[in-house]
C-alpha atoms as a PDB file:
ATOM      1  CA  MET A   1     153.065  33.567 157.597  1.00  0.00           C
ATOM      2  CA  LYS A   2     156.288  31.952 159.673  1.00  0.00           C
ATOM      3  CA  TYR A   3     157.098  29.130 156.995  1.00  0.00           C
ATOM      4  CA  LYS A   4     158.061  29.038 153.771  1.00  0.00           C
ATOM      5  CA  PHE A   5     157.137  25.814 152.927  1.00  0.00           C
ATOM      6  CA  ILE A   6     153.671  24.349 153.083  1.00  0.00           C
ATOM      7  CA  LEU A   7     153.366  20.026 151.825  1.00  0.00           C
ATOM      8  CA  ILE A   8     149.366  19.092 151.543  1.00  0.00           C
ATOM      9  CA  THR A   9     148.706  15.284 151.623  1.00  0.00           C
ATOM     10  CA  GLY A  10     145.817  14.415 149.740  1.00  0.00           C
ATOM     11  CA  GLY A  11     146.456  17.821 147.832  1.00  0.00           C
ATOM     12  CA  ALA A  12     144.218  17.255 144.978  1.00  0.00           C
ATOM     13  CA  GLY A  13     140.766  16.125 146.776  1.00  0.00           C
ATOM     14  CA  PHE A  14     138.602  18.676 148.274  1.00  0.00           C
ATOM     15  CA  ILE A  15     139.917  20.175 151.097  1.00  0.00           C
ATOM     16  CA  GLY A  16     143.752  19.719 150.191  1.00  0.00           C
ATOM     17  CA  SER A  17     143.141  21.469 146.849  1.00  0.00           C
ATOM     18  CA  ASN A  18     141.115  24.521 148.096  1.00  0.00           C
ATOM     19  CA  LEU A  19     143.942  24.974 150.833  1.00  0.00           C
ATOM     20  CA  ALA A  20     146.679  24.746 148.464  1.00  0.00           C
ATOM     21  CA  ILE A  21     145.594  27.143 146.240  1.00  0.00           C
ATOM     22  CA  SER A  22     144.296  29.062 148.867  1.00  0.00           C
ATOM     23  CA  PHE A  23     147.209  29.407 150.789  1.00  0.00           C
ATOM     24  CA  LYS A  24     149.479  30.047 147.459  1.00  0.00           C
ATOM     25  CA  ARG A  25     147.134  33.215 146.726  1.00  0.00           C
ATOM     26  CA  LYS A  26     147.767  34.797 150.305  1.00  0.00           C
ATOM     27  CA  TYR A  27     150.923  34.086 150.770  1.00  0.00           C
ATOM     28  CA  PRO A  28     153.080  33.968 146.998  1.00  0.00           C
ATOM     29  CA  LYS A  29     156.138  33.622 148.381  1.00  0.00           C
ATOM     30  CA  VAL A  30     155.652  30.466 149.835  1.00  0.00           C
ATOM     31  CA  LYS A  31     156.219  27.066 148.394  1.00  0.00           C
ATOM     32  CA  VAL A  32     153.153  25.097 148.183  1.00  0.00           C
ATOM     33  CA  LEU A  33     153.493  21.575 147.616  1.00  0.00           C
ATOM     34  CA  VAL A  34     150.854  18.853 147.310  1.00  0.00           C
ATOM     35  CA  LEU A  35     150.939  15.255 146.976  1.00  0.00           C
ATOM     36  CA  ASP A  36     148.156  12.925 146.243  1.00  0.00           C
ATOM     37  CA  ASN A  37     147.241   9.511 144.369  1.00  0.00           C
ATOM     38  CA  LEU A  38     144.349  10.467 142.447  1.00  0.00           C
ATOM     39  CA  LYS A  39     141.951   7.895 143.300  1.00  0.00           C
ATOM     40  CA  ARG A  40     138.730   9.371 144.394  1.00  0.00           C
ATOM     41  CA  ARG A  41     137.195  10.282 141.198  1.00  0.00           C
ATOM     42  CA  GLY A  42     137.026  14.071 139.909  1.00  0.00           C
ATOM     43  CA  SER A  43     140.726  14.707 142.271  1.00  0.00           C
ATOM     44  CA  GLU A  44     142.179  14.901 138.370  1.00  0.00           C
ATOM     45  CA  LEU A  45     140.262  17.812 137.614  1.00  0.00           C
ATOM     46  CA  ASN A  46     141.971  19.887 140.311  1.00  0.00           C
ATOM     47  CA  ILE A  47     145.490  19.479 138.783  1.00  0.00           C
ATOM     48  CA  ILE A  48     144.799  22.318 136.088  1.00  0.00           C
ATOM     49  CA  ARG A  49     143.550  24.682 139.048  1.00  0.00           C
ATOM     50  CA  LEU A  50     146.676  23.516 141.029  1.00  0.00           C
ATOM     51  CA  LYS A  51     149.274  23.947 138.592  1.00  0.00           C
ATOM     52  CA  GLU A  52     147.519  27.710 137.485  1.00  0.00           C
ATOM     53  CA  SER A  53     147.918  28.946 140.953  1.00  0.00           C
ATOM     54  CA  GLY A  54     151.307  28.186 140.765  1.00  0.00           C
ATOM     55  CA  VAL A  55     151.283  25.105 143.324  1.00  0.00           C
ATOM     56  CA  SER A  56     153.671  22.483 142.324  1.00  0.00           C
ATOM     57  CA  PHE A  57     152.110  19.064 142.379  1.00  0.00           C
ATOM     58  CA  LEU A  58     153.462  15.443 143.057  1.00  0.00           C
ATOM     59  CA  HIS A  59     152.100  12.331 141.609  1.00  0.00           C
ATOM     60  CA  ALA A  60     152.850   9.978 145.163  1.00  0.00           C
ATOM     61  CA  ASP A  61     150.477   7.341 147.151  1.00  0.00           C
ATOM     62  CA  ILE A  62     151.140   8.080 151.087  1.00  0.00           C
ATOM     63  CA  ARG A  63     150.906   4.216 151.388  1.00  0.00           C
ATOM     64  CA  ASN A  64     154.102   3.678 149.844  1.00  0.00           C
ATOM     65  CA  PRO A  65     156.826   4.987 151.983  1.00  0.00           C
ATOM     66  CA  GLU A  66     159.298   5.138 148.667  1.00  0.00           C
ATOM     67  CA  ASP A  67     157.068   7.359 147.609  1.00  0.00           C
ATOM     68  CA  LEU A  68     157.993   9.900 150.502  1.00  0.00           C
ATOM     69  CA  VAL A  69     161.370   9.725 149.905  1.00  0.00           C
ATOM     70  CA  PHE A  70     162.319  13.375 148.383  1.00  0.00           C
ATOM     71  CA  GLU A  71     164.355  16.742 149.672  1.00  0.00           C
ATOM     72  CA  CYS A  72     161.255  19.361 151.101  1.00  0.00           C
ATOM     73  CA  PRO A  73     163.147  22.242 153.484  1.00  0.00           C
ATOM     74  CA  PRO A  74     161.785  22.135 157.112  1.00  0.00           C
ATOM     75  CA  GLY A  75     158.289  23.824 157.072  1.00  0.00           C
ATOM     76  CA  LEU A  76     154.751  22.640 157.463  1.00  0.00           C
ATOM     77  CA  LEU A  77     152.622  19.488 156.872  1.00  0.00           C
ATOM     78  CA  ILE A  78     148.780  19.827 156.073  1.00  0.00           C
ATOM     79  CA  GLU A  79     147.694  15.827 156.414  1.00  0.00           C
ATOM     80  CA  CYS A  80     144.534  16.041 154.568  1.00  0.00           C
ATOM     81  CA  SER A  81     144.327  12.631 152.709  1.00  0.00           C
ATOM     82  CA  ALA A  82     142.656   9.944 153.816  1.00  0.00           C
ATOM     83  CA  GLU A  83     140.131   7.100 152.510  1.00  0.00           C
ATOM     84  CA  PRO A  84     136.809   9.688 154.045  1.00  0.00           C
ATOM     85  CA  SER A  85     134.035   7.263 153.532  1.00  0.00           C
ATOM     86  CA  VAL A  86     132.394   6.245 156.745  1.00  0.00           C
ATOM     87  CA  MET A  87     131.094   3.265 154.550  1.00  0.00           C
ATOM     88  CA  ALA A  88     134.001   1.858 153.454  1.00  0.00           C
ATOM     89  CA  GLY A  89     135.309  -1.244 155.453  1.00  0.00           C
ATOM     90  CA  VAL A  90     131.955  -2.080 155.438  1.00  0.00           C
ATOM     91  CA  GLY A  91     131.873  -5.367 153.944  1.00  0.00           C
ATOM     92  CA  ASP A  92     135.441  -7.594 153.255  1.00  0.00           C
ATOM     93  CA  ASN A  93     137.725  -4.618 152.234  1.00  0.00           C
ATOM     94  CA  PRO A  94     139.316  -3.511 156.167  1.00  0.00           C
ATOM     95  CA  LEU A  95     142.948  -3.741 154.869  1.00  0.00           C
ATOM     96  CA  TYR A  96     142.230  -0.490 152.492  1.00  0.00           C
ATOM     97  CA  VAL A  97     140.989   1.665 155.373  1.00  0.00           C
ATOM     98  CA  VAL A  98     143.943   0.807 157.856  1.00  0.00           C
ATOM     99  CA  ASN A  99     146.381   1.192 155.036  1.00  0.00           C
ATOM    100  CA  THR A 100     145.037   4.195 153.795  1.00  0.00           C
ATOM    101  CA  ASN A 101     144.059   6.084 157.058  1.00  0.00           C
ATOM    102  CA  LEU A 102     146.566   4.512 159.282  1.00  0.00           C
ATOM    103  CA  THR A 103     148.983   3.603 157.648  1.00  0.00           C
ATOM    104  CA  GLY A 104     149.925   6.438 155.686  1.00  0.00           C
ATOM    105  CA  THR A 105     149.948   8.320 158.532  1.00  0.00           C
ATOM    106  CA  VAL A 106     152.563   6.555 159.779  1.00  0.00           C
ATOM    107  CA  ASN A 107     154.615   7.226 156.388  1.00  0.00           C
ATOM    108  CA  CYS A 108     153.456  10.751 157.039  1.00  0.00           C
ATOM    109  CA  LEU A 109     154.996  11.365 160.319  1.00  0.00           C
ATOM    110  CA  GLU A 110     157.730   9.858 159.407  1.00  0.00           C
ATOM    111  CA  LEU A 111     158.699  12.213 157.193  1.00  0.00           C
ATOM    112  CA  ALA A 112     157.498  14.971 159.161  1.00  0.00           C
ATOM    113  CA  ARG A 113     160.199  13.633 162.347  1.00  0.00           C
ATOM    114  CA  LYS A 114     163.047  13.465 159.033  1.00  0.00           C
ATOM    115  CA  ARG A 115     162.607  16.892 157.459  1.00  0.00           C
ATOM    116  CA  LYS A 116     161.495  18.216 160.082  1.00  0.00           C
ATOM    117  CA  LEU A 117     157.796  19.653 159.329  1.00  0.00           C
ATOM    118  CA  ASP A 118     155.044  20.761 161.429  1.00  0.00           C
ATOM    119  CA  VAL A 119     151.598  19.297 161.480  1.00  0.00           C
ATOM    120  CA  ILE A 120     148.448  19.970 160.867  1.00  0.00           C
ATOM    121  CA  PHE A 121     146.233  17.133 160.971  1.00  0.00           C
ATOM    122  CA  LEU A 122     142.573  16.829 159.882  1.00  0.00           C
ATOM    123  CA  SER A 123     140.631  13.727 161.592  1.00  0.00           C
ATOM    124  CA  THR A 124     136.889  13.698 162.024  1.00  0.00           C
ATOM    125  CA  SER A 125     133.833  13.909 164.099  1.00  0.00           C
ATOM    126  CA  ARG A 126     133.852  10.436 163.257  1.00  0.00           C
ATOM    127  CA  VAL A 127     136.725   9.436 166.368  1.00  0.00           C
ATOM    128  CA  TYR A 128     133.273   9.177 168.979  1.00  0.00           C
ATOM    129  CA  PRO A 129     131.591   6.635 168.825  1.00  0.00           C
ATOM    130  CA  TYR A 130     128.181   6.204 167.171  1.00  0.00           C
ATOM    131  CA  GLY A 131     126.426   4.177 170.235  1.00  0.00           C
ATOM    132  CA  ALA A 132     126.976   7.123 172.833  1.00  0.00           C
ATOM    133  CA  ILE A 133     125.987   9.254 170.142  1.00  0.00           C
ATOM    134  CA  ASN A 134     122.480   7.446 169.365  1.00  0.00           C
ATOM    135  CA  GLU A 135     121.910   7.545 173.274  1.00  0.00           C
ATOM    136  CA  ILE A 136     121.720  10.763 173.884  1.00  0.00           C
ATOM    137  CA  LYS A 137     117.692  11.449 173.837  1.00  0.00           C
ATOM    138  CA  ALA A 138     116.290  12.683 171.139  1.00  0.00           C
ATOM    139  CA  ARG A 139     113.119  14.153 170.210  1.00  0.00           C
ATOM    140  CA  GLU A 140     111.069  13.615 166.290  1.00  0.00           C
ATOM    141  CA  SER A 141     110.080  16.809 165.062  1.00  0.00           C
ATOM    142  CA  ALA A 142     107.480  17.394 161.625  1.00  0.00           C
ATOM    143  CA  ILE A 143     111.592  17.953 159.726  1.00  0.00           C
ATOM    144  CA  ARG A 144     113.901  16.953 161.973  1.00  0.00           C
ATOM    145  CA  PHE A 145     115.551  15.032 164.788  1.00  0.00           C
ATOM    146  CA  GLU A 146     116.242  17.396 168.201  1.00  0.00           C
ATOM    147  CA  TRP A 147     118.469  16.393 170.852  1.00  0.00           C
ATOM    148  CA  SER A 148     115.930  17.248 173.952  1.00  0.00           C
ATOM    149  CA  SER A 149     117.573  19.106 177.310  1.00  0.00           C
ATOM    150  CA  GLY A 150     118.292  18.719 180.456  1.00  0.00           C
ATOM    151  CA  GLN A 151     120.416  15.736 179.675  1.00  0.00           C
ATOM    152  CA  LYS A 152     123.780  15.142 181.835  1.00  0.00           C
ATOM    153  CA  ILE A 153     126.351  13.903 179.681  1.00  0.00           C
ATOM    154  CA  ASN A 154     129.968  14.747 179.783  1.00  0.00           C
ATOM    155  CA  GLY A 155     130.892  15.773 176.741  1.00  0.00           C
ATOM    156  CA  TRP A 156     127.729  17.417 175.563  1.00  0.00           C
ATOM    157  CA  SER A 157     124.814  20.176 175.418  1.00  0.00           C
ATOM    158  CA  VAL A 158     122.608  21.068 173.275  1.00  0.00           C
ATOM    159  CA  ASP A 159     125.122  22.905 171.517  1.00  0.00           C
ATOM    160  CA  GLY A 160     126.743  20.100 170.443  1.00  0.00           C
ATOM    161  CA  ILE A 161     129.518  17.365 171.245  1.00  0.00           C
ATOM    162  CA  ASN A 162     132.779  19.273 172.689  1.00  0.00           C
ATOM    163  CA  GLU A 163     136.259  17.377 173.161  1.00  0.00           C
ATOM    164  CA  SER A 164     135.420  15.735 176.399  1.00  0.00           C
ATOM    165  CA  PHE A 165     133.096  13.398 174.684  1.00  0.00           C
ATOM    166  CA  THR A 166     133.481   9.724 175.656  1.00  0.00           C
ATOM    167  CA  LEU A 167     135.926   7.811 172.730  1.00  0.00           C
ATOM    168  CA  GLY A 168     134.848   4.671 174.255  1.00  0.00           C
ATOM    169  CA  GLY A 169     133.251   2.096 171.909  1.00  0.00           C
ATOM    170  CA  ALA A 170     132.828   1.066 168.044  1.00  0.00           C
ATOM    171  CA  LYS A 171     133.188   4.114 165.571  1.00  0.00           C
ATOM    172  CA  THR A 172     133.498   2.677 162.039  1.00  0.00           C
ATOM    173  CA  LEU A 173     136.822   1.790 160.757  1.00  0.00           C
ATOM    174  CA  TYR A 174     137.370   5.572 159.536  1.00  0.00           C
ATOM    175  CA  GLY A 175     136.984   6.948 163.143  1.00  0.00           C
ATOM    176  CA  ALA A 176     138.970   4.164 164.695  1.00  0.00           C
ATOM    177  CA  THR A 177     141.605   4.691 161.950  1.00  0.00           C
ATOM    178  CA  LYS A 178     141.938   8.543 162.207  1.00  0.00           C
ATOM    179  CA  LEU A 179     141.853   8.403 166.528  1.00  0.00           C
ATOM    180  CA  CYS A 180     144.605   5.376 166.179  1.00  0.00           C
ATOM    181  CA  SER A 181     146.286   8.769 163.903  1.00  0.00           C
ATOM    182  CA  GLU A 182     145.434  11.705 166.471  1.00  0.00           C
ATOM    183  CA  ILE A 183     147.070   8.998 169.605  1.00  0.00           C
ATOM    184  CA  LEU A 184     150.166   8.719 166.960  1.00  0.00           C
ATOM    185  CA  LEU A 185     150.721  12.410 166.185  1.00  0.00           C
ATOM    186  CA  GLN A 186     150.511  13.327 169.979  1.00  0.00           C
ATOM    187  CA  GLU A 187     153.158  10.672 170.424  1.00  0.00           C
ATOM    188  CA  TYR A 188     155.359  12.107 168.064  1.00  0.00           C
ATOM    189  CA  ILE A 189     155.022  15.743 169.169  1.00  0.00           C
ATOM    190  CA  GLN A 190     156.401  14.281 172.574  1.00  0.00           C
ATOM    191  CA  ASN A 191     159.317  12.969 171.399  1.00  0.00           C
ATOM    192  CA  TYR A 192     160.608  14.203 168.295  1.00  0.00           C
ATOM    193  CA  GLY A 193     160.561  18.080 168.626  1.00  0.00           C
ATOM    194  CA  ILE A 194     157.755  18.927 165.983  1.00  0.00           C
ATOM    195  CA  LYS A 195     154.618  20.838 166.969  1.00  0.00           C
ATOM    196  CA  GLY A 196     150.607  20.150 165.731  1.00  0.00           C
ATOM    197  CA  VAL A 197     147.121  20.188 166.069  1.00  0.00           C
ATOM    198  CA  VAL A 198     144.594  18.022 165.133  1.00  0.00           C
ATOM    199  CA  ASN A 199     141.111  19.354 164.072  1.00  0.00           C
ATOM    200  CA  ARG A 200     137.885  16.337 164.597  1.00  0.00           C
ATOM    201  CA  CYS A 201     136.140  17.973 161.289  1.00  0.00           C
ATOM    202  CA  GLY A 202     132.257  17.667 161.076  1.00  0.00           C
ATOM    203  CA  VAL A 203     130.790  17.920 157.598  1.00  0.00           C
ATOM    204  CA  VAL A 204     132.625  20.305 155.206  1.00  0.00           C
ATOM    205  CA  ALA A 205     130.925  21.282 151.943  1.00  0.00           C
ATOM    206  CA  GLY A 206     131.546  23.991 149.272  1.00  0.00           C
ATOM    207  CA  PRO A 207     132.939  24.198 145.552  1.00  0.00           C
ATOM    208  CA  TRP A 208     135.125  21.292 143.894  1.00  0.00           C
ATOM    209  CA  GLN A 209     133.569  18.442 146.050  1.00  0.00           C
ATOM    210  CA  PHE A 210     132.344  16.268 144.050  1.00  0.00           C
ATOM    211  CA  GLY A 211     130.143  14.861 146.586  1.00  0.00           C
ATOM    212  CA  LYS A 212     128.932  11.292 146.873  1.00  0.00           C
ATOM    213  CA  VAL A 213     126.458   9.431 148.913  1.00  0.00           C
ATOM    214  CA  ASP A 214     128.595   7.818 151.759  1.00  0.00           C
ATOM    215  CA  GLN A 215     131.221  11.855 151.822  1.00  0.00           C
ATOM    216  CA  GLY A 216     129.855  14.934 151.084  1.00  0.00           C
ATOM    217  CA  ILE A 217     126.159  14.967 151.515  1.00  0.00           C
ATOM    218  CA  PHE A 218     125.288  18.265 151.107  1.00  0.00           C
ATOM    219  CA  THR A 219     127.287  18.503 147.751  1.00  0.00           C
ATOM    220  CA  PHE A 220     125.311  15.269 146.482  1.00  0.00           C
ATOM    221  CA  LEU A 221     122.006  16.297 147.233  1.00  0.00           C
ATOM    222  CA  MET A 222     122.688  19.768 145.343  1.00  0.00           C
ATOM    223  CA  LEU A 223     124.637  17.711 142.783  1.00  0.00           C
ATOM    224  CA  ALA A 224     121.514  15.397 142.534  1.00  0.00           C
ATOM    225  CA  HIS A 225     119.097  18.380 141.992  1.00  0.00           C
ATOM    226  CA  PHE A 226     120.595  20.053 139.554  1.00  0.00           C
ATOM    227  CA  TYR A 227     121.459  16.773 137.428  1.00  0.00           C
ATOM    228  CA  LYS A 228     117.895  15.757 138.330  1.00  0.00           C
ATOM    229  CA  LYS A 229     119.244  11.927 139.746  1.00  0.00           C
ATOM    230  CA  GLN A 230     116.629   9.670 142.323  1.00  0.00           C
ATOM    231  CA  ILE A 231     117.876  10.323 145.669  1.00  0.00           C
ATOM    232  CA  LYS A 232     116.740   8.539 148.406  1.00  0.00           C
ATOM    233  CA  TYR A 233     116.524   8.835 152.635  1.00  0.00           C
ATOM    234  CA  ILE A 234     118.242   6.255 154.449  1.00  0.00           C
ATOM    235  CA  GLY A 235     117.999   4.832 157.611  1.00  0.00           C
ATOM    236  CA  PHE A 236     116.083   5.712 160.587  1.00  0.00           C
ATOM    237  CA  GLY A 237     112.551   5.616 159.274  1.00  0.00           C
ATOM    238  CA  GLY A 238     113.631   6.816 155.836  1.00  0.00           C
ATOM    239  CA  LYS A 239     112.374  10.056 156.410  1.00  0.00           C
ATOM    240  CA  GLY A 240     115.319  12.385 155.864  1.00  0.00           C
ATOM    241  CA  LYS A 241     115.391  13.573 159.963  1.00  0.00           C
ATOM    242  CA  GLN A 242     119.051  13.312 160.088  1.00  0.00           C
ATOM    243  CA  VAL A 243     120.929  16.483 161.961  1.00  0.00           C
ATOM    244  CA  ARG A 244     124.614  17.347 160.214  1.00  0.00           C
ATOM    245  CA  ASP A 245     126.301  20.902 161.098  1.00  0.00           C
ATOM    246  CA  ILE A 246     127.837  22.288 158.005  1.00  0.00           C
ATOM    247  CA  LEU A 247     130.853  24.124 157.246  1.00  0.00           C
ATOM    248  CA  HIS A 248     132.256  25.671 154.500  1.00  0.00           C
ATOM    249  CA  VAL A 249     135.456  25.049 153.471  1.00  0.00           C
ATOM    250  CA  ASP A 250     136.478  28.697 153.176  1.00  0.00           C
ATOM    251  CA  ASP A 251     135.641  29.003 157.035  1.00  0.00           C
ATOM    252  CA  LEU A 252     137.686  25.886 157.435  1.00  0.00           C
ATOM    253  CA  LEU A 253     140.253  27.424 155.378  1.00  0.00           C
ATOM    254  CA  ARG A 254     140.401  30.684 157.918  1.00  0.00           C
ATOM    255  CA  LEU A 255     140.667  28.429 160.909  1.00  0.00           C
ATOM    256  CA  ILE A 256     143.901  26.334 159.658  1.00  0.00           C
ATOM    257  CA  ASP A 257     145.728  29.714 158.223  1.00  0.00           C
ATOM    258  CA  LEU A 258     145.257  30.920 161.943  1.00  0.00           C
ATOM    259  CA  GLU A 259     146.526  27.569 163.392  1.00  0.00           C
ATOM    260  CA  ALA A 260     149.969  27.517 160.969  1.00  0.00           C
ATOM    261  CA  GLY A 261     150.380  31.321 162.286  1.00  0.00           C
ATOM    262  CA  ASN A 262     150.035  30.138 166.376  1.00  0.00           C
ATOM    263  CA  MET A 263     151.774  26.664 166.125  1.00  0.00           C
ATOM    264  CA  SER A 264     153.150  27.471 169.688  1.00  0.00           C
ATOM    265  CA  LYS A 265     149.851  28.500 171.022  1.00  0.00           C
ATOM    266  CA  VAL A 266     147.900  25.303 169.795  1.00  0.00           C
ATOM    267  CA  ASN A 267     150.703  22.786 169.899  1.00  0.00           C
ATOM    268  CA  ALA A 268     149.274  19.223 171.059  1.00  0.00           C
ATOM    269  CA  GLU A 269     145.747  20.816 170.831  1.00  0.00           C
ATOM    270  CA  VAL A 270     142.987  18.356 169.992  1.00  0.00           C
ATOM    271  CA  TYR A 271     139.619  20.928 168.347  1.00  0.00           C
ATOM    272  CA  ASN A 272     135.955  19.795 167.590  1.00  0.00           C
ATOM    273  CA  ILE A 273     135.515  21.880 164.096  1.00  0.00           C
ATOM    274  CA  GLY A 274     132.092  22.573 162.640  1.00  0.00           C
ATOM    275  CA  GLY A 275     129.177  24.609 161.457  1.00  0.00           C
ATOM    276  CA  GLY A 276     127.758  24.043 165.024  1.00  0.00           C
ATOM    277  CA  ASN A 277     124.776  24.780 166.531  1.00  0.00           C
ATOM    278  CA  ASN A 278     123.836  27.206 164.443  1.00  0.00           C
ATOM    279  CA  SER A 279     124.485  26.190 161.135  1.00  0.00           C
ATOM    280  CA  ASN A 280     122.654  22.660 160.862  1.00  0.00           C
ATOM    281  CA  LEU A 281     120.520  20.856 158.448  1.00  0.00           C
ATOM    282  CA  SER A 282     118.270  17.870 158.458  1.00  0.00           C
ATOM    283  CA  LEU A 283     118.351  15.855 154.806  1.00  0.00           C
ATOM    284  CA  ILE A 284     114.863  17.403 154.673  1.00  0.00           C
ATOM    285  CA  GLU A 285     115.429  20.870 155.301  1.00  0.00           C
ATOM    286  CA  THR A 286     118.562  20.205 152.669  1.00  0.00           C
ATOM    287  CA  VAL A 287     116.558  18.862 150.151  1.00  0.00           C
ATOM    288  CA  ARG A 288     113.861  21.764 150.558  1.00  0.00           C
ATOM    289  CA  LEU A 289     116.737  24.081 150.103  1.00  0.00           C
ATOM    290  CA  CYS A 290     118.441  22.643 146.959  1.00  0.00           C
ATOM    291  CA  GLU A 291     114.750  23.091 145.736  1.00  0.00           C
ATOM    292  CA  LYS A 292     114.433  26.715 146.292  1.00  0.00           C
ATOM    293  CA  ILE A 293     117.872  26.812 144.774  1.00  0.00           C
ATOM    294  CA  THR A 294     117.764  24.720 141.800  1.00  0.00           C
ATOM    295  CA  GLY A 295     114.068  25.106 141.023  1.00  0.00           C
ATOM    296  CA  SER A 296     113.885  21.184 141.284  1.00  0.00           C
ATOM    297  CA  LYS A 297     111.770  19.463 142.915  1.00  0.00           C
ATOM    298  CA  MET A 298     112.314  15.695 143.379  1.00  0.00           C
ATOM    299  CA  GLU A 299     110.716  12.673 144.027  1.00  0.00           C
ATOM    300  CA  ILE A 300     112.334  10.733 147.110  1.00  0.00           C
ATOM    301  CA  LYS A 301     112.012   7.476 148.627  1.00  0.00           C
ATOM    302  CA  GLY A 302     112.934   6.083 151.574  1.00  0.00           C
ATOM    303  CA  ASP A 303     114.629   3.331 152.846  1.00  0.00           C
ATOM    304  CA  SER A 304     114.284   2.291 156.694  1.00  0.00           C
ATOM    305  CA  ASN A 305     117.224   0.434 157.253  1.00  0.00           C
ATOM    306  CA  THR A 306     119.849   2.038 158.988  1.00  0.00           C
ATOM    307  CA  ARG A 307     123.440   1.456 157.612  1.00  0.00           C
ATOM    308  CA  PRO A 308     126.147   0.341 160.317  1.00  0.00           C
ATOM    309  CA  GLY A 309     127.728   3.107 162.064  1.00  0.00           C
ATOM    310  CA  ASP A 310     124.947   5.859 161.358  1.00  0.00           C
ATOM    311  CA  ILE A 311     123.970   8.398 163.662  1.00  0.00           C
ATOM    312  CA  LYS A 312     120.693  10.530 164.127  1.00  0.00           C
ATOM    313  CA  ILE A 313     122.172  13.955 165.192  1.00  0.00           C
ATOM    314  CA  TYR A 314     126.139  15.111 164.996  1.00  0.00           C
ATOM    315  CA  ILE A 315     126.301  18.884 165.808  1.00  0.00           C
ATOM    316  CA  SER A 316     130.196  20.296 166.950  1.00  0.00           C
ATOM    317  CA  ASP A 317     130.496  22.376 169.593  1.00  0.00           C
ATOM    318  CA  SER A 318     133.477  24.482 168.955  1.00  0.00           C
ATOM    319  CA  LYS A 319     134.026  26.797 172.018  1.00  0.00           C
ATOM    320  CA  LYS A 320     137.578  25.448 172.627  1.00  0.00           C
ATOM    321  CA  VAL A 321     138.749  27.271 169.435  1.00  0.00           C
ATOM    322  CA  ALA A 322     136.624  30.352 169.417  1.00  0.00           C
ATOM    323  CA  HIS A 323     138.475  30.745 172.819  1.00  0.00           C
ATOM    324  CA  ASP A 324     141.953  30.316 172.094  1.00  0.00           C
ATOM    325  CA  LEU A 325     141.634  31.564 168.178  1.00  0.00           C
ATOM    326  CA  GLY A 326     138.904  33.480 168.081  1.00  0.00           C
ATOM    327  CA  TRP A 327     137.574  31.897 165.320  1.00  0.00           C
ATOM    328  CA  GLN A 328     133.825  31.102 164.281  1.00  0.00           C
ATOM    329  CA  PRO A 329     132.531  30.177 160.863  1.00  0.00           C
ATOM    330  CA  GLN A 330     130.889  32.885 159.059  1.00  0.00           C
ATOM    331  CA  GLU A 331     128.902  31.070 155.982  1.00  0.00           C
ATOM    332  CA  SER A 332     125.400  30.338 156.788  1.00  0.00           C
ATOM    333  CA  PRO A 333     123.827  26.890 155.429  1.00  0.00           C
ATOM    334  CA  GLY A 334     121.574  28.797 153.085  1.00  0.00           C
ATOM    335  CA  GLU A 335     124.894  30.449 151.547  1.00  0.00           C
ATOM    336  CA  ILE A 336     126.625  27.323 151.676  1.00  0.00           C
ATOM    337  CA  LEU A 337     124.429  25.355 149.371  1.00  0.00           C
ATOM    338  CA  GLU A 338     124.336  28.708 146.963  1.00  0.00           C
ATOM    339  CA  ASP A 339     127.884  28.518 146.193  1.00  0.00           C
ATOM    340  CA  ILE A 340     128.073  25.051 145.464  1.00  0.00           C
ATOM    341  CA  PHE A 341     125.164  25.651 143.332  1.00  0.00           C
ATOM    342  CA  SER A 342     126.658  28.066 141.092  1.00  0.00           C
ATOM    343  CA  TRP A 343     129.997  26.301 141.393  1.00  0.00           C
ATOM    344  CA  ILE A 344     127.942  23.429 139.457  1.00  0.00           C
ATOM    345  CA  LYS A 345     126.783  25.486 137.388  1.00  0.00           C
ATOM    346  CA  GLU A 346     129.706  27.487 135.975  1.00  0.00           C
ATOM    347  CA  ASN A 347     131.395  24.072 135.535  1.00  0.00           C
ATOM    348  CA  ASP A 348     128.626  21.758 134.637  1.00  0.00           C
ATOM    349  CA  SER A 349     130.734  20.166 132.060  1.00  0.00           C
ATOM    350  CA  LEU A 350     133.566  19.126 134.072  1.00  0.00           C
ATOM    351  CA  VAL A 351     131.492  18.150 137.083  1.00  0.00           C
ATOM    352  CA  LYS A 352     129.205  15.854 134.784  1.00  0.00           C
ATOM    353  CA  GLU A 353     131.859  14.033 133.339  1.00  0.00           C
ATOM    354  CA  SER A 354     133.385  13.667 137.372  1.00  0.00           C
ATOM    355  CA  LEU A 355     129.443  12.119 137.820  1.00  0.00           C
ATOM    356  CA  ILE A 356     129.529   9.721 134.628  1.00  0.00           C
END
C-alpha cells in the first residue's frame, strides 16, 4: 500500500465501514479516518466496530464546507458518502439529494485538491437512463424477466450493460447527481494533478447493511424473512420478476484495494462494477433462497404500480475492469444471502434495534 493515509467519507455506512475496517486490518500502519454525519439509521452502530479496529472517526457532514477544514497528509480519499435511495427526491425535496450527492462531492473534491488526495469515487449504475434500459426487449419466464438476444444496442449485450451505454435521458435525481459528480471528478483530475477512478456499482450486499425497501433490497428481503415482516412485490405487474445483479461487499473491497495499488493505471477510468451475468437474482428467486435459508415462508402481496425510475432488469458488464485489473466477483448469490443471514443471527439485538 503506497498510501499512508486514507480518508473515507460516508465511512460509518455499509460500504464505508466495511472498507475502513478491511484496510486497517490489512494495512495496520496506515492511518484510516472515516467521516460521517450518522444520518442513516444503523450507521451509529458501526462506530464501536470502527474504533475497535483502530479506525479514527470524525462526526462531520460533507454538505458543510466548514466541516472539511482540517489538516491531513496527502493520501487517498474514498468517496462513499451519498443519499443512496433511488426514490429520494421523488416528491418535494430535491434539494436534499442535490446538496448531499452533488454539493457534497464538490466539497470533497475541494478537500482532495487542497490536501493532495487521490480519489476513488463510488458512483452507481443508476447513471444510465431507465427509459433506455426498459426499452431493451425482454421476455417473461415463470420466475424472472430475461433480456432477449439478437438486439443491436450500443453498450449492451446479454452479458449486461457496459460503459458505452447511453447516458442520455432521465435517470432519477440520485443517478443524475452521481453522474454530475463523475464529470466534476474528471475535471479535477485534468486540472489539479490528482488521480481518480470511478466505480459505477450495481447492487452491493453483505453484513452490516441495514437494508431498506428503496436501497439494499437483498438484505431487506432477508431481514423481512428473519423477522417475519410483511413484504410485497412492487411494479411491473407486482409479480416479483425484476432482476438485479448482486455483489458481495468483500468483492467490492478487493477491487478497491486493487485500484488503490494501481492508481496510475486506472487514473481517469470509469468502470461498471457488479455481480454480472453469473450473479443475479429476480425478486422471486431471492425470496425462495431466503425461505430456504431462514425456514420462514412469507405471504407476499403484489402492487402492480411501477414506481418512477424503476427498471425491469439491470446486469453489470464488468469486462473492462476484469481486463485492466484481473478482478472477478467470487461470491455467489447463495453465499451472499447466507452471509447476511449469519450476520443477522449473530447480531440479532443490534439489528432489531435498527429496524424499530
